[in-house]
Amino acid sequence: MPTKTTESTKFKDTMRPEYDMTGGVRGKYANRFKGDVVMMPIAPDVAAAFPDADAVNDALRLLLKAAKKVAQAA
């Protein structure tokens, strides 16, 4: 016969003791980002090619522009 699952046994605490989150604050840095910001990880070698976020955005805009021209020509 199945035993009744209680809230305390339903989720087993698997966090290691060295990861103590008792002083943590949820969403502490959330207000630093605008609502329309999309965070995407990029590879370290790609990140090294750009001095800042504006350079990445400029390169991506140029790539989008070139892709649209190629698509229109096809």
N, C-alpha and C. Protein backbone atom coordinates (compact mmCIF):
# COMPACT_ATOMS: atom_id res chain seq x y z
N MET A 1 0.84 -1.18 0.00
CA MET A 1 0.00 0.00 0.00
C MET A 1 0.89 1.25 0.00
N PRO A 2 0.60 2.22 -0.90
CA PRO A 2 1.43 3.42 -0.96
C PRO A 2 1.30 4.26 0.30
N THR A 3 2.41 4.83 0.70
CA THR A 3 2.39 5.69 1.88
C THR A 3 2.07 7.12 1.47
N LYS A 4 1.50 7.87 2.39
CA LYS A 4 1.14 9.25 2.12
C LYS A 4 2.41 10.11 2.11
N THR A 5 2.56 10.93 1.07
CA THR A 5 3.72 11.81 0.95
C THR A 5 3.42 13.13 1.62
N THR A 6 4.28 13.52 2.53
CA THR A 6 4.11 14.81 3.19
C THR A 6 5.01 15.82 2.52
N GLU A 7 4.75 17.10 2.74
CA GLU A 7 5.56 18.16 2.14
C GLU A 7 7.03 18.03 2.54
N SER A 8 7.30 17.61 3.76
CA SER A 8 8.68 17.53 4.21
C SER A 8 9.45 16.40 3.53
N THR A 9 8.78 15.34 3.14
CA THR A 9 9.47 14.24 2.48
C THR A 9 9.32 14.29 0.97
N LYS A 10 8.45 15.15 0.46
CA LYS A 10 8.22 15.24 -0.98
C LYS A 10 9.45 15.78 -1.70
N PHE A 11 10.08 16.82 -1.15
CA PHE A 11 11.25 17.42 -1.75
C PHE A 11 12.46 17.19 -0.85
N LYS A 12 13.33 16.32 -1.28
CA LYS A 12 14.52 16.02 -0.49
C LYS A 12 15.56 17.12 -0.70
N ASP A 13 16.11 17.61 0.37
CA ASP A 13 17.13 18.65 0.30
C ASP A 13 18.45 18.03 -0.15
N THR A 14 18.87 18.37 -1.35
CA THR A 14 20.11 17.81 -1.89
C THR A 14 21.23 18.84 -1.98
N MET A 15 20.98 20.04 -1.46
CA MET A 15 22.01 21.09 -1.53
C MET A 15 23.15 20.78 -0.56
N ARG A 16 24.35 20.99 -1.05
CA ARG A 16 25.53 20.73 -0.22
C ARG A 16 25.64 21.78 0.89
N PRO A 17 26.22 21.41 2.02
CA PRO A 17 26.34 22.36 3.13
C PRO A 17 27.18 23.59 2.80
N GLU A 18 28.13 23.46 1.89
CA GLU A 18 28.97 24.62 1.56
C GLU A 18 28.22 25.67 0.73
N TYR A 19 27.05 25.33 0.21
CA TYR A 19 26.22 26.28 -0.53
C TYR A 19 25.13 26.81 0.39
N ASP A 20 25.52 27.56 1.36
CA ASP A 20 24.59 28.09 2.35
C ASP A 20 23.91 29.34 1.79
N MET A 21 22.60 29.27 1.60
CA MET A 21 21.85 30.39 1.02
C MET A 21 20.97 31.10 2.05
N THR A 22 21.26 30.91 3.33
CA THR A 22 20.40 31.48 4.36
C THR A 22 20.39 33.00 4.34
N GLY A 23 21.45 33.65 3.89
CA GLY A 23 21.48 35.11 3.85
C GLY A 23 21.12 35.68 2.49
N GLY A 24 20.69 34.82 1.57
CA GLY A 24 20.40 35.26 0.21
C GLY A 24 19.13 36.09 0.11
N VAL A 25 19.11 36.93 -0.90
CA VAL A 25 17.94 37.76 -1.17
C VAL A 25 17.48 37.47 -2.59
N ARG A 26 16.26 37.02 -2.75
CA ARG A 26 15.73 36.68 -4.06
C ARG A 26 15.52 37.94 -4.90
N GLY A 27 16.02 37.93 -6.13
CA GLY A 27 15.82 39.04 -7.05
C GLY A 27 16.59 40.30 -6.70
N LYS A 28 17.65 40.18 -5.96
CA LYS A 28 18.40 41.34 -5.48
C LYS A 28 18.89 42.23 -6.62
N TYR A 29 19.30 41.63 -7.72
CA TYR A 29 19.86 42.39 -8.83
C TYR A 29 18.91 42.47 -10.03
N ALA A 30 17.70 42.02 -9.89
CA ALA A 30 16.76 41.97 -11.01
C ALA A 30 16.44 43.35 -11.57
N ASN A 31 16.41 44.38 -10.76
CA ASN A 31 16.06 45.71 -11.23
C ASN A 31 17.17 46.37 -12.06
N ARG A 32 18.33 45.77 -12.10
CA ARG A 32 19.43 46.33 -12.89
C ARG A 32 19.21 46.19 -14.38
N PHE A 33 18.36 45.25 -14.77
CA PHE A 33 18.14 44.97 -16.18
C PHE A 33 16.79 45.51 -16.62
N LYS A 34 16.76 46.09 -17.81
CA LYS A 34 15.52 46.57 -18.39
C LYS A 34 14.64 45.37 -18.72
N GLY A 35 13.37 45.63 -18.87
CA GLY A 35 12.44 44.55 -19.19
C GLY A 35 12.68 43.93 -20.55
N ASP A 36 13.27 44.68 -21.48
CA ASP A 36 13.48 44.16 -22.82
C ASP A 36 14.88 43.57 -23.03
N VAL A 37 15.64 43.42 -21.98
CA VAL A 37 16.99 42.86 -22.09
C VAL A 37 16.89 41.34 -22.18
N VAL A 38 17.60 40.78 -23.16
CA VAL A 38 17.67 39.34 -23.32
C VAL A 38 19.12 38.93 -23.08
N MET A 39 19.32 38.10 -22.08
CA MET A 39 20.67 37.64 -21.76
C MET A 39 20.93 36.32 -22.47
N MET A 40 22.03 36.27 -23.23
CA MET A 40 22.40 35.04 -23.93
C MET A 40 23.89 34.80 -23.73
N PRO A 41 24.25 33.61 -23.33
CA PRO A 41 25.68 33.32 -23.16
C PRO A 41 26.36 33.20 -24.53
N ILE A 42 27.57 33.70 -24.62
CA ILE A 42 28.37 33.52 -25.82
C ILE A 42 29.69 32.86 -25.42
N ALA A 43 30.26 32.17 -26.37
CA ALA A 43 31.51 31.45 -26.10
C ALA A 43 32.63 32.44 -25.77
N PRO A 44 33.55 32.04 -24.90
CA PRO A 44 34.64 32.93 -24.50
C PRO A 44 35.47 33.45 -25.67
N ASP A 45 35.70 32.61 -26.68
CA ASP A 45 36.51 33.07 -27.82
C ASP A 45 35.77 34.12 -28.64
N VAL A 46 34.45 34.02 -28.70
CA VAL A 46 33.66 35.02 -29.41
C VAL A 46 33.63 36.32 -28.60
N ALA A 47 33.43 36.21 -27.29
CA ALA A 47 33.40 37.39 -26.43
C ALA A 47 34.72 38.15 -26.49
N ALA A 48 35.81 37.45 -26.63
CA ALA A 48 37.13 38.09 -26.67
C ALA A 48 37.31 38.95 -27.92
N ALA A 49 36.51 38.71 -28.95
CA ALA A 49 36.63 39.47 -30.19
C ALA A 49 35.95 40.83 -30.11
N PHE A 50 35.17 41.08 -29.05
CA PHE A 50 34.42 42.33 -28.93
C PHE A 50 34.78 43.06 -27.65
N PRO A 51 35.00 44.38 -27.74
CA PRO A 51 35.37 45.14 -26.54
C PRO A 51 34.21 45.37 -25.58
N ASP A 52 32.98 45.42 -26.11
CA ASP A 52 31.83 45.68 -25.24
C ASP A 52 30.53 45.23 -25.92
N ALA A 53 29.42 45.39 -25.22
CA ALA A 53 28.12 44.94 -25.71
C ALA A 53 27.70 45.71 -26.97
N ASP A 54 28.05 46.99 -27.05
CA ASP A 54 27.68 47.77 -28.24
C ASP A 54 28.35 47.22 -29.50
N ALA A 55 29.58 46.77 -29.36
CA ALA A 55 30.28 46.20 -30.51
C ALA A 55 29.63 44.90 -30.97
N VAL A 56 29.17 44.10 -30.02
CA VAL A 56 28.46 42.86 -30.35
C VAL A 56 27.17 43.19 -31.09
N ASN A 57 26.41 44.15 -30.56
CA ASN A 57 25.15 44.54 -31.20
C ASN A 57 25.38 45.09 -32.60
N ASP A 58 26.41 45.92 -32.78
CA ASP A 58 26.72 46.47 -34.11
C ASP A 58 27.04 45.35 -35.10
N ALA A 59 27.83 44.38 -34.67
CA ALA A 59 28.19 43.27 -35.54
C ALA A 59 26.97 42.43 -35.89
N LEU A 60 26.10 42.20 -34.93
CA LEU A 60 24.90 41.41 -35.21
C LEU A 60 23.95 42.16 -36.15
N ARG A 61 23.83 43.46 -35.97
CA ARG A 61 22.99 44.26 -36.88
C ARG A 61 23.54 44.21 -38.31
N LEU A 62 24.85 44.29 -38.45
CA LEU A 62 25.48 44.21 -39.77
C LEU A 62 25.22 42.83 -40.39
N LEU A 63 25.32 41.79 -39.60
CA LEU A 63 25.05 40.44 -40.09
C LEU A 63 23.59 40.29 -40.52
N LEU A 64 22.66 40.84 -39.76
CA LEU A 64 21.24 40.78 -40.12
C LEU A 64 20.98 41.52 -41.43
N LYS A 65 21.60 42.67 -41.58
CA LYS A 65 21.44 43.45 -42.79
C LYS A 65 21.96 42.69 -44.02
N ALA A 66 23.10 42.06 -43.88
CA ALA A 66 23.68 41.27 -44.98
C ALA A 66 22.80 40.06 -45.30
N ALA A 67 22.27 39.42 -44.27
CA ALA A 67 21.41 38.25 -44.49
C ALA A 67 20.12 38.63 -45.21
N LYS A 68 19.58 39.79 -44.89
CA LYS A 68 18.36 40.25 -45.58
C LYS A 68 18.64 40.52 -47.06
N LYS A 69 19.80 41.11 -47.37
CA LYS A 69 20.15 41.37 -48.76
C LYS A 69 20.31 40.07 -49.53
N VAL A 70 20.94 39.09 -48.93
CA VAL A 70 21.13 37.79 -49.58
C VAL A 70 19.79 37.12 -49.81
N ALA A 71 18.90 37.20 -48.82
CA ALA A 71 17.58 36.59 -48.94
C ALA A 71 16.75 37.25 -50.03
N GLN A 72 16.87 38.56 -50.19
CA GLN A 72 16.12 39.28 -51.22
C GLN A 72 16.66 38.96 -52.61
N ALA A 73 17.95 38.73 -52.72
CA ALA A 73 18.56 38.43 -54.01
C ALA A 73 18.23 37.02 -54.47
N ALA A 74 17.90 36.16 -53.55
CA ALA A 74 17.65 34.75 -53.92
C ALA A 74 16.28 34.52 -54.48
